[in-house]
Amino acid sequence: MAQALRALICAAVLAAACLVSAPGVAGPPLAHSPAWAELSPSDRQILLPLAGEWNQLEAQRREKWLGIAKRYPSLSPTEQQRVQAQMHTWAQLTPAQRQAAREQYKTLKQLPPERREEVRQKWQEYQQLPPEKRRELAARAAPAPGSPGAAPKAAGSAPPPATPATTPAIAR
């Protein structure tokens, strides 16, 4: 259960990063959203975690990921590693976990600025905890399997996901 919670938190981080990009950053809409085989070798290398599902992605999602690939070379090595890790985590989530992460991001986005800052600070504090303390918190926050609250919860139920201030602005 703790692993699932971690995956959901990572998904929320990526969803937050994906949803906060400035309008138009990904470039103009593509007339044709390319299949995996049509991508340039550098784009395929950057987007490798998504290879298995690329051809099933909606055109809009492909465009957003291509926007990330175009900005990727200008990122610092640390940011590149973070993007790759987030992309790998995102690729391993189930569609339900991805949707839960998107919903959690939407909930966070609607918070007033001071509350978002509070959530950001709590997330930073959580990130500083030793792994065993994180597992303990995750176990305490996770409802028993099969209970009515066993589905992923919205913001505030577990350690808060990263906010736009703590993640790179990649694309949706």
N, C-alpha and C. Protein backbone atom coordinates (compact mmCIF):
# COMPACT_ATOMS: atom_id res chain seq x y z
N MET A 1 0.82 -1.19 0.00
CA MET A 1 0.00 0.00 0.00
C MET A 1 0.87 1.26 0.00
N ALA A 2 1.98 1.21 0.75
CA ALA A 2 2.87 2.36 0.79
C ALA A 2 3.46 2.62 -0.59
N GLN A 3 3.76 1.55 -1.34
CA GLN A 3 4.31 1.71 -2.67
C GLN A 3 3.28 2.36 -3.59
N ALA A 4 2.03 1.98 -3.45
CA ALA A 4 0.98 2.58 -4.26
C ALA A 4 0.82 4.06 -3.91
N LEU A 5 0.94 4.38 -2.62
CA LEU A 5 0.83 5.77 -2.20
C LEU A 5 1.99 6.59 -2.77
N ARG A 6 3.19 6.01 -2.72
CA ARG A 6 4.33 6.70 -3.31
C ARG A 6 4.13 6.92 -4.80
N ALA A 7 3.61 5.91 -5.48
CA ALA A 7 3.36 6.04 -6.91
C ALA A 7 2.34 7.14 -7.18
N LEU A 8 1.31 7.22 -6.34
CA LEU A 8 0.30 8.26 -6.51
C LEU A 8 0.90 9.63 -6.26
N ILE A 9 1.76 9.74 -5.26
CA ILE A 9 2.41 11.02 -4.99
C ILE A 9 3.29 11.41 -6.16
N CYS A 10 4.06 10.46 -6.67
CA CYS A 10 4.91 10.75 -7.84
C CYS A 10 4.05 11.15 -9.03
N ALA A 11 2.92 10.50 -9.18
CA ALA A 11 2.03 10.84 -10.28
C ALA A 11 1.50 12.25 -10.12
N ALA A 12 1.17 12.61 -8.89
CA ALA A 12 0.68 13.96 -8.64
C ALA A 12 1.76 14.98 -8.96
N VAL A 13 3.00 14.64 -8.63
CA VAL A 13 4.12 15.52 -8.94
C VAL A 13 4.20 15.73 -10.45
N LEU A 14 4.16 14.65 -11.18
CA LEU A 14 4.25 14.76 -12.63
C LEU A 14 3.03 15.47 -13.21
N ALA A 15 1.85 15.15 -12.68
CA ALA A 15 0.65 15.81 -13.18
C ALA A 15 0.73 17.31 -12.92
N ALA A 16 1.22 17.68 -11.73
CA ALA A 16 1.37 19.09 -11.42
C ALA A 16 2.33 19.74 -12.40
N ALA A 17 3.44 19.07 -12.63
CA ALA A 17 4.42 19.62 -13.57
C ALA A 17 3.83 19.72 -14.96
N CYS A 18 3.07 18.72 -15.33
CA CYS A 18 2.50 18.69 -16.67
C CYS A 18 1.44 19.76 -16.86
N LEU A 19 0.65 20.00 -15.84
CA LEU A 19 -0.48 20.90 -15.99
C LEU A 19 -0.14 22.36 -15.79
N VAL A 20 1.06 22.68 -15.31
CA VAL A 20 1.37 24.07 -15.02
C VAL A 20 2.12 24.78 -16.11
N SER A 21 2.42 24.12 -17.18
CA SER A 21 3.20 24.79 -18.22
C SER A 21 2.42 25.98 -18.74
N ALA A 22 3.18 26.99 -19.11
CA ALA A 22 2.55 28.20 -19.62
C ALA A 22 1.87 27.91 -20.94
N PRO A 23 0.73 28.57 -21.21
CA PRO A 23 0.06 28.35 -22.48
C PRO A 23 1.00 28.66 -23.64
N GLY A 24 0.99 27.80 -24.61
CA GLY A 24 1.78 28.04 -25.80
C GLY A 24 3.23 27.59 -25.69
N VAL A 25 3.68 27.13 -24.52
CA VAL A 25 5.06 26.74 -24.36
C VAL A 25 5.39 25.53 -25.23
N ALA A 26 4.43 24.65 -25.41
CA ALA A 26 4.69 23.44 -26.20
C ALA A 26 4.73 23.74 -27.69
N GLY A 27 4.44 24.96 -28.06
CA GLY A 27 4.47 25.33 -29.47
C GLY A 27 3.09 25.21 -30.08
N PRO A 28 2.99 25.54 -31.34
CA PRO A 28 1.68 25.48 -32.00
C PRO A 28 1.24 24.02 -32.13
N PRO A 29 -0.08 23.80 -32.19
CA PRO A 29 -0.58 22.44 -32.34
C PRO A 29 -0.01 21.80 -33.61
N LEU A 30 0.32 20.55 -33.50
CA LEU A 30 0.84 19.83 -34.66
C LEU A 30 -0.30 19.44 -35.59
N ALA A 31 -0.06 19.56 -36.89
CA ALA A 31 -1.07 19.16 -37.84
C ALA A 31 -1.23 17.64 -37.81
N HIS A 32 -0.13 16.96 -37.53
CA HIS A 32 -0.12 15.50 -37.47
C HIS A 32 0.66 15.11 -36.23
N SER A 33 0.04 14.35 -35.36
CA SER A 33 0.72 13.89 -34.16
C SER A 33 1.45 12.60 -34.53
N PRO A 34 2.77 12.64 -34.57
CA PRO A 34 3.54 11.52 -35.12
C PRO A 34 3.47 10.24 -34.30
N ALA A 35 3.52 9.14 -35.01
CA ALA A 35 3.62 7.83 -34.37
C ALA A 35 5.04 7.70 -33.82
N TRP A 36 5.27 6.72 -32.96
CA TRP A 36 6.58 6.53 -32.35
C TRP A 36 7.68 6.41 -33.41
N ALA A 37 7.43 5.64 -34.45
CA ALA A 37 8.43 5.41 -35.49
C ALA A 37 8.76 6.69 -36.26
N GLU A 38 7.86 7.67 -36.24
CA GLU A 38 8.07 8.92 -36.97
C GLU A 38 8.84 9.95 -36.16
N LEU A 39 9.07 9.71 -34.88
CA LEU A 39 9.79 10.66 -34.04
C LEU A 39 11.27 10.67 -34.42
N SER A 40 11.91 11.79 -34.18
CA SER A 40 13.36 11.86 -34.42
C SER A 40 14.07 10.97 -33.40
N PRO A 41 15.26 10.52 -33.73
CA PRO A 41 16.00 9.69 -32.77
C PRO A 41 16.18 10.37 -31.41
N SER A 42 16.44 11.69 -31.40
CA SER A 42 16.62 12.37 -30.12
C SER A 42 15.31 12.42 -29.33
N ASP A 43 14.18 12.65 -30.01
CA ASP A 43 12.89 12.67 -29.31
C ASP A 43 12.58 11.28 -28.76
N ARG A 44 12.87 10.24 -29.53
CA ARG A 44 12.63 8.87 -29.04
C ARG A 44 13.48 8.58 -27.81
N GLN A 45 14.71 9.05 -27.82
CA GLN A 45 15.58 8.82 -26.67
C GLN A 45 15.04 9.53 -25.43
N ILE A 46 14.62 10.77 -25.58
CA ILE A 46 14.10 11.54 -24.45
C ILE A 46 12.79 10.94 -23.94
N LEU A 47 11.92 10.54 -24.86
CA LEU A 47 10.59 10.05 -24.51
C LEU A 47 10.53 8.53 -24.33
N LEU A 48 11.68 7.89 -24.24
CA LEU A 48 11.75 6.43 -24.15
C LEU A 48 10.81 5.81 -23.11
N PRO A 49 10.63 6.41 -21.92
CA PRO A 49 9.71 5.79 -20.96
C PRO A 49 8.28 5.65 -21.47
N LEU A 50 7.94 6.41 -22.49
CA LEU A 50 6.58 6.39 -23.04
C LEU A 50 6.45 5.54 -24.30
N ALA A 51 7.54 4.89 -24.71
CA ALA A 51 7.57 4.16 -25.97
C ALA A 51 6.43 3.15 -26.09
N GLY A 52 6.19 2.38 -25.05
CA GLY A 52 5.19 1.32 -25.11
C GLY A 52 3.77 1.80 -25.30
N GLU A 53 3.50 3.02 -24.93
CA GLU A 53 2.13 3.52 -25.03
C GLU A 53 1.98 4.71 -25.96
N TRP A 54 3.07 5.17 -26.55
CA TRP A 54 3.04 6.38 -27.37
C TRP A 54 1.94 6.35 -28.42
N ASN A 55 1.85 5.27 -29.18
CA ASN A 55 0.89 5.21 -30.28
C ASN A 55 -0.55 5.18 -29.81
N GLN A 56 -0.79 4.92 -28.53
CA GLN A 56 -2.15 4.93 -27.99
C GLN A 56 -2.52 6.27 -27.34
N LEU A 57 -1.55 7.14 -27.17
CA LEU A 57 -1.82 8.44 -26.54
C LEU A 57 -2.67 9.31 -27.46
N GLU A 58 -3.49 10.15 -26.85
CA GLU A 58 -4.28 11.13 -27.61
C GLU A 58 -3.30 12.12 -28.25
N ALA A 59 -3.69 12.70 -29.35
CA ALA A 59 -2.84 13.66 -30.07
C ALA A 59 -2.42 14.82 -29.15
N GLN A 60 -3.33 15.32 -28.34
CA GLN A 60 -3.02 16.44 -27.45
C GLN A 60 -1.92 16.05 -26.46
N ARG A 61 -1.98 14.86 -25.91
CA ARG A 61 -0.97 14.40 -24.96
C ARG A 61 0.38 14.22 -25.66
N ARG A 62 0.35 13.70 -26.88
CA ARG A 62 1.60 13.55 -27.64
C ARG A 62 2.25 14.92 -27.85
N GLU A 63 1.43 15.90 -28.20
CA GLU A 63 1.95 17.25 -28.42
C GLU A 63 2.60 17.80 -27.17
N LYS A 64 1.99 17.57 -26.03
CA LYS A 64 2.55 18.06 -24.78
C LYS A 64 3.88 17.39 -24.49
N TRP A 65 3.94 16.07 -24.68
CA TRP A 65 5.20 15.35 -24.44
C TRP A 65 6.27 15.80 -25.44
N LEU A 66 5.88 16.07 -26.67
CA LEU A 66 6.85 16.57 -27.66
C LEU A 66 7.38 17.94 -27.25
N GLY A 67 6.52 18.75 -26.64
CA GLY A 67 6.97 20.04 -26.12
C GLY A 67 8.04 19.86 -25.05
N ILE A 68 7.85 18.85 -24.21
CA ILE A 68 8.85 18.54 -23.19
C ILE A 68 10.16 18.13 -23.86
N ALA A 69 10.06 17.28 -24.87
CA ALA A 69 11.26 16.80 -25.57
C ALA A 69 12.01 17.96 -26.22
N LYS A 70 11.29 18.94 -26.74
CA LYS A 70 11.94 20.08 -27.40
C LYS A 70 12.67 20.95 -26.38
N ARG A 71 12.12 21.10 -25.16
CA ARG A 71 12.75 21.91 -24.12
C ARG A 71 13.82 21.15 -23.35
N TYR A 72 13.79 19.85 -23.43
CA TYR A 72 14.68 19.00 -22.64
C TYR A 72 16.16 19.37 -22.77
N PRO A 73 16.68 19.59 -23.97
CA PRO A 73 18.12 19.91 -24.09
C PRO A 73 18.52 21.19 -23.35
N SER A 74 17.59 22.11 -23.15
CA SER A 74 17.92 23.37 -22.47
C SER A 74 17.86 23.24 -20.95
N LEU A 75 17.40 22.10 -20.43
CA LEU A 75 17.33 21.89 -18.99
C LEU A 75 18.70 21.54 -18.43
N SER A 76 18.88 21.84 -17.15
CA SER A 76 20.13 21.44 -16.49
C SER A 76 20.15 19.92 -16.37
N PRO A 77 21.31 19.33 -16.19
CA PRO A 77 21.37 17.87 -16.00
C PRO A 77 20.48 17.37 -14.86
N THR A 78 20.42 18.13 -13.78
CA THR A 78 19.57 17.75 -12.65
C THR A 78 18.10 17.76 -13.06
N GLU A 79 17.68 18.79 -13.77
CA GLU A 79 16.29 18.87 -14.23
C GLU A 79 15.99 17.75 -15.23
N GLN A 80 16.96 17.44 -16.09
CA GLN A 80 16.77 16.35 -17.05
C GLN A 80 16.56 15.02 -16.33
N GLN A 81 17.35 14.79 -15.29
CA GLN A 81 17.19 13.55 -14.52
C GLN A 81 15.82 13.51 -13.87
N ARG A 82 15.37 14.64 -13.34
CA ARG A 82 14.07 14.69 -12.68
C ARG A 82 12.95 14.44 -13.69
N VAL A 83 13.05 15.04 -14.86
CA VAL A 83 12.03 14.82 -15.90
C VAL A 83 11.98 13.34 -16.29
N GLN A 84 13.17 12.74 -16.47
CA GLN A 84 13.21 11.32 -16.84
C GLN A 84 12.59 10.46 -15.75
N ALA A 85 12.91 10.74 -14.49
CA ALA A 85 12.35 9.96 -13.38
C ALA A 85 10.83 10.12 -13.32
N GLN A 86 10.36 11.34 -13.48
CA GLN A 86 8.92 11.59 -13.44
C GLN A 86 8.22 10.92 -14.61
N MET A 87 8.84 10.97 -15.78
CA MET A 87 8.24 10.34 -16.95
C MET A 87 8.16 8.83 -16.76
N HIS A 88 9.21 8.25 -16.21
CA HIS A 88 9.23 6.80 -15.96
C HIS A 88 8.14 6.43 -14.95
N THR A 89 8.01 7.20 -13.89
CA THR A 89 6.98 6.94 -12.89
C THR A 89 5.59 7.06 -13.51
N TRP A 90 5.38 8.10 -14.29
CA TRP A 90 4.09 8.33 -14.94
C TRP A 90 3.73 7.17 -15.87
N ALA A 91 4.72 6.70 -16.61
CA ALA A 91 4.48 5.63 -17.57
C ALA A 91 4.06 4.33 -16.87
N GLN A 92 4.46 4.15 -15.62
CA GLN A 92 4.14 2.93 -14.90
C GLN A 92 2.80 2.98 -14.17
N LEU A 93 2.17 4.14 -14.13
CA LEU A 93 0.89 4.26 -13.45
C LEU A 93 -0.24 3.70 -14.29
N THR A 94 -1.25 3.23 -13.61
CA THR A 94 -2.45 2.76 -14.30
C THR A 94 -3.25 4.00 -14.73
N PRO A 95 -4.16 3.84 -15.67
CA PRO A 95 -5.00 4.98 -16.05
C PRO A 95 -5.76 5.57 -14.85
N ALA A 96 -6.20 4.73 -13.93
CA ALA A 96 -6.92 5.23 -12.76
C ALA A 96 -6.00 6.07 -11.87
N GLN A 97 -4.76 5.62 -11.70
CA GLN A 97 -3.81 6.39 -10.89
C GLN A 97 -3.47 7.72 -11.56
N ARG A 98 -3.37 7.72 -12.87
CA ARG A 98 -3.10 8.97 -13.58
C ARG A 98 -4.26 9.94 -13.41
N GLN A 99 -5.47 9.41 -13.52
CA GLN A 99 -6.65 10.27 -13.37
C GLN A 99 -6.71 10.83 -11.95
N ALA A 100 -6.40 9.99 -10.96
CA ALA A 100 -6.39 10.45 -9.56
C ALA A 100 -5.36 11.57 -9.38
N ALA A 101 -4.21 11.42 -10.00
CA ALA A 101 -3.18 12.46 -9.91
C ALA A 101 -3.65 13.76 -10.56
N ARG A 102 -4.30 13.64 -11.71
CA ARG A 102 -4.82 14.85 -12.38
C ARG A 102 -5.87 15.54 -11.51
N GLU A 103 -6.75 14.75 -10.92
CA GLU A 103 -7.79 15.31 -10.06
C GLU A 103 -7.18 15.98 -8.83
N GLN A 104 -6.15 15.34 -8.27
CA GLN A 104 -5.49 15.92 -7.11
C GLN A 104 -4.84 17.25 -7.49
N TYR A 105 -4.24 17.30 -8.66
CA TYR A 105 -3.64 18.55 -9.10
C TYR A 105 -4.71 19.63 -9.25
N LYS A 106 -5.84 19.28 -9.85
CA LYS A 106 -6.91 20.26 -10.02
C LYS A 106 -7.37 20.80 -8.67
N THR A 107 -7.46 19.91 -7.68
CA THR A 107 -7.85 20.33 -6.34
C THR A 107 -6.83 21.31 -5.78
N LEU A 108 -5.56 20.99 -5.93
CA LEU A 108 -4.50 21.88 -5.44
C LEU A 108 -4.52 23.22 -6.16
N LYS A 109 -4.77 23.19 -7.44
CA LYS A 109 -4.76 24.42 -8.25
C LYS A 109 -5.85 25.39 -7.78
N GLN A 110 -6.94 24.85 -7.22
CA GLN A 110 -8.05 25.69 -6.79
C GLN A 110 -7.86 26.28 -5.39
N LEU A 111 -6.82 25.86 -4.69
CA LEU A 111 -6.57 26.39 -3.35
C LEU A 111 -6.11 27.84 -3.42
N PRO A 112 -6.42 28.62 -2.39
CA PRO A 112 -5.90 29.99 -2.37
C PRO A 112 -4.37 29.96 -2.26
N PRO A 113 -3.70 31.00 -2.72
CA PRO A 113 -2.23 31.02 -2.73
C PRO A 113 -1.58 30.69 -1.38
N GLU A 114 -2.13 31.21 -0.30
CA GLU A 114 -1.52 30.94 1.01
C GLU A 114 -1.64 29.47 1.39
N ARG A 115 -2.74 28.84 1.02
CA ARG A 115 -2.91 27.41 1.31
C ARG A 115 -1.98 26.58 0.42
N ARG A 116 -1.82 26.98 -0.84
CA ARG A 116 -0.89 26.28 -1.73
C ARG A 116 0.53 26.37 -1.18
N GLU A 117 0.90 27.53 -0.65
CA GLU A 117 2.23 27.70 -0.06
C GLU A 117 2.39 26.77 1.15
N GLU A 118 1.34 26.66 1.94
CA GLU A 118 1.37 25.75 3.10
C GLU A 118 1.57 24.30 2.64
N VAL A 119 0.86 23.91 1.59
CA VAL A 119 1.00 22.56 1.05
C VAL A 119 2.42 22.36 0.51
N ARG A 120 2.96 23.36 -0.17
CA ARG A 120 4.32 23.28 -0.69
C ARG A 120 5.33 23.09 0.44
N GLN A 121 5.15 23.84 1.52
CA GLN A 121 6.06 23.71 2.66
C GLN A 121 5.96 22.33 3.30
N LYS A 122 4.74 21.82 3.42
CA LYS A 122 4.57 20.49 3.99
C LYS A 122 5.22 19.43 3.10
N TRP A 123 5.10 19.62 1.79
CA TRP A 123 5.74 18.67 0.88
C TRP A 123 7.26 18.71 1.04
N GLN A 124 7.83 19.89 1.17
CA GLN A 124 9.27 19.99 1.36
C GLN A 124 9.70 19.32 2.67
N GLU A 125 8.90 19.51 3.72
CA GLU A 125 9.20 18.85 5.00
C GLU A 125 9.13 17.34 4.83
N TYR A 126 8.12 16.86 4.13
CA TYR A 126 7.97 15.42 3.90
C TYR A 126 9.18 14.87 3.14
N GLN A 127 9.64 15.61 2.13
CA GLN A 127 10.78 15.18 1.33
C GLN A 127 12.04 15.03 2.19
N GLN A 128 12.14 15.78 3.27
CA GLN A 128 13.32 15.74 4.13
C GLN A 128 13.28 14.58 5.12
N LEU A 129 12.13 13.93 5.27
CA LEU A 129 12.01 12.82 6.23
C LEU A 129 12.80 11.60 5.77
N PRO A 130 13.29 10.82 6.74
CA PRO A 130 13.96 9.57 6.36
C PRO A 130 12.93 8.59 5.79
N PRO A 131 13.37 7.67 4.94
CA PRO A 131 12.44 6.73 4.29
C PRO A 131 11.55 5.96 5.26
N GLU A 132 12.09 5.56 6.40
CA GLU A 132 11.26 4.79 7.34
C GLU A 132 10.12 5.63 7.92
N LYS A 133 10.36 6.92 8.13
CA LYS A 133 9.31 7.80 8.63
C LYS A 133 8.25 8.01 7.55
N ARG A 134 8.68 8.12 6.29
CA ARG A 134 7.72 8.25 5.19
C ARG A 134 6.82 7.02 5.11
N ARG A 135 7.44 5.84 5.24
CA ARG A 135 6.65 4.60 5.20
C ARG A 135 5.63 4.57 6.34
N GLU A 136 6.08 5.01 7.51
CA GLU A 136 5.18 5.05 8.67
C GLU A 136 3.99 5.99 8.41
N LEU A 137 4.27 7.15 7.88
CA LEU A 137 3.20 8.11 7.56
C LEU A 137 2.27 7.56 6.49
N ALA A 138 2.85 6.92 5.49
CA ALA A 138 2.04 6.35 4.41
C ALA A 138 1.13 5.26 4.95
N ALA A 139 1.66 4.42 5.83
CA ALA A 139 0.86 3.35 6.41
C ALA A 139 -0.27 3.91 7.26
N ARG A 140 0.02 4.96 7.98
CA ARG A 140 -1.01 5.59 8.82
C ARG A 140 -2.09 6.26 7.98
N ALA A 141 -1.70 6.83 6.85
CA ALA A 141 -2.65 7.55 5.99
C ALA A 141 -3.46 6.61 5.11
N ALA A 142 -2.94 5.41 4.86
CA ALA A 142 -3.62 4.48 3.95
C ALA A 142 -4.76 3.77 4.66
N PRO A 143 -5.99 3.79 4.09
CA PRO A 143 -7.10 3.07 4.67
C PRO A 143 -6.92 1.57 4.46
N ALA A 144 -7.59 0.79 5.25
CA ALA A 144 -7.51 -0.66 5.12
C ALA A 144 -8.05 -1.08 3.76
N PRO A 145 -7.41 -2.07 3.10
CA PRO A 145 -7.92 -2.53 1.80
C PRO A 145 -9.37 -3.00 1.92
N GLY A 146 -10.16 -2.61 0.94
CA GLY A 146 -11.56 -3.01 0.94
C GLY A 146 -12.48 -2.06 1.70
N SER A 147 -11.90 -1.11 2.44
CA SER A 147 -12.74 -0.17 3.17
C SER A 147 -13.26 0.88 2.21
N PRO A 148 -14.34 1.58 2.57
CA PRO A 148 -14.92 2.58 1.66
C PRO A 148 -13.92 3.66 1.26
N GLY A 149 -12.93 3.97 2.09
CA GLY A 149 -11.97 5.01 1.77
C GLY A 149 -10.72 4.48 1.11
N ALA A 150 -10.74 3.27 0.60
CA ALA A 150 -9.54 2.66 0.03
C ALA A 150 -9.12 3.27 -1.30
N ALA A 151 -9.99 4.00 -1.96
CA ALA A 151 -9.63 4.64 -3.22
C ALA A 151 -8.71 5.81 -2.95
N PRO A 152 -7.88 6.22 -3.95
CA PRO A 152 -7.00 7.37 -3.75
C PRO A 152 -7.81 8.59 -3.35
N LYS A 153 -7.26 9.36 -2.43
CA LYS A 153 -7.96 10.54 -1.94
C LYS A 153 -7.40 11.81 -2.55
N ALA A 154 -8.14 12.87 -2.39
CA ALA A 154 -7.72 14.16 -2.90
C ALA A 154 -6.70 14.78 -1.96
N ALA A 155 -6.28 15.97 -2.29
CA ALA A 155 -5.26 16.67 -1.53
C ALA A 155 -5.61 16.74 -0.06
N GLY A 156 -4.59 16.61 0.78
CA GLY A 156 -4.78 16.75 2.20
C GLY A 156 -4.91 15.42 2.92
N SER A 157 -5.03 14.30 2.22
CA SER A 157 -5.22 13.02 2.88
C SER A 157 -3.91 12.31 3.15
N ALA A 158 -2.91 12.60 2.38
CA ALA A 158 -1.61 11.98 2.53
C ALA A 158 -0.58 13.08 2.43
N PRO A 159 0.69 12.77 2.53
CA PRO A 159 1.66 13.84 2.34
C PRO A 159 1.36 14.55 1.03
N PRO A 160 1.39 15.86 1.05
CA PRO A 160 0.98 16.63 -0.13
C PRO A 160 1.92 16.42 -1.30
N PRO A 161 1.37 16.41 -2.50
CA PRO A 161 2.22 16.30 -3.68
C PRO A 161 2.97 17.60 -3.91
N ALA A 162 3.97 17.53 -4.72
CA ALA A 162 4.74 18.72 -5.04
C ALA A 162 3.85 19.72 -5.76
N THR A 163 4.18 20.95 -5.60
CA THR A 163 3.43 22.01 -6.24
C THR A 163 4.28 22.57 -7.37
N PRO A 164 3.70 23.42 -8.18
CA PRO A 164 4.46 23.99 -9.29
C PRO A 164 5.77 24.62 -8.85
N ALA A 165 5.82 25.13 -7.62
CA ALA A 165 7.05 25.77 -7.16
C ALA A 165 8.18 24.78 -6.93
N THR A 166 7.85 23.50 -6.79
CA THR A 166 8.88 22.50 -6.50
C THR A 166 9.14 21.56 -7.65
N THR A 167 8.50 21.77 -8.79
CA THR A 167 8.71 20.89 -9.93
C THR A 167 9.01 21.70 -11.16
N PRO A 168 9.70 21.11 -12.13
CA PRO A 168 9.96 21.84 -13.36
C PRO A 168 8.66 21.99 -14.14
N ALA A 169 8.50 23.11 -14.82
CA ALA A 169 7.30 23.29 -15.62
C ALA A 169 7.52 22.56 -16.94
N ILE A 170 7.08 21.32 -17.01
CA ILE A 170 7.24 20.57 -18.23
C ILE A 170 5.94 20.73 -19.02
N ALA A 171 5.24 19.86 -19.44
CA ALA A 171 3.97 20.12 -20.13
C ALA A 171 2.95 19.12 -19.66
N ARG A 172 1.70 19.36 -20.06
CA ARG A 172 0.64 18.46 -19.63
C ARG A 172 0.85 17.08 -20.13
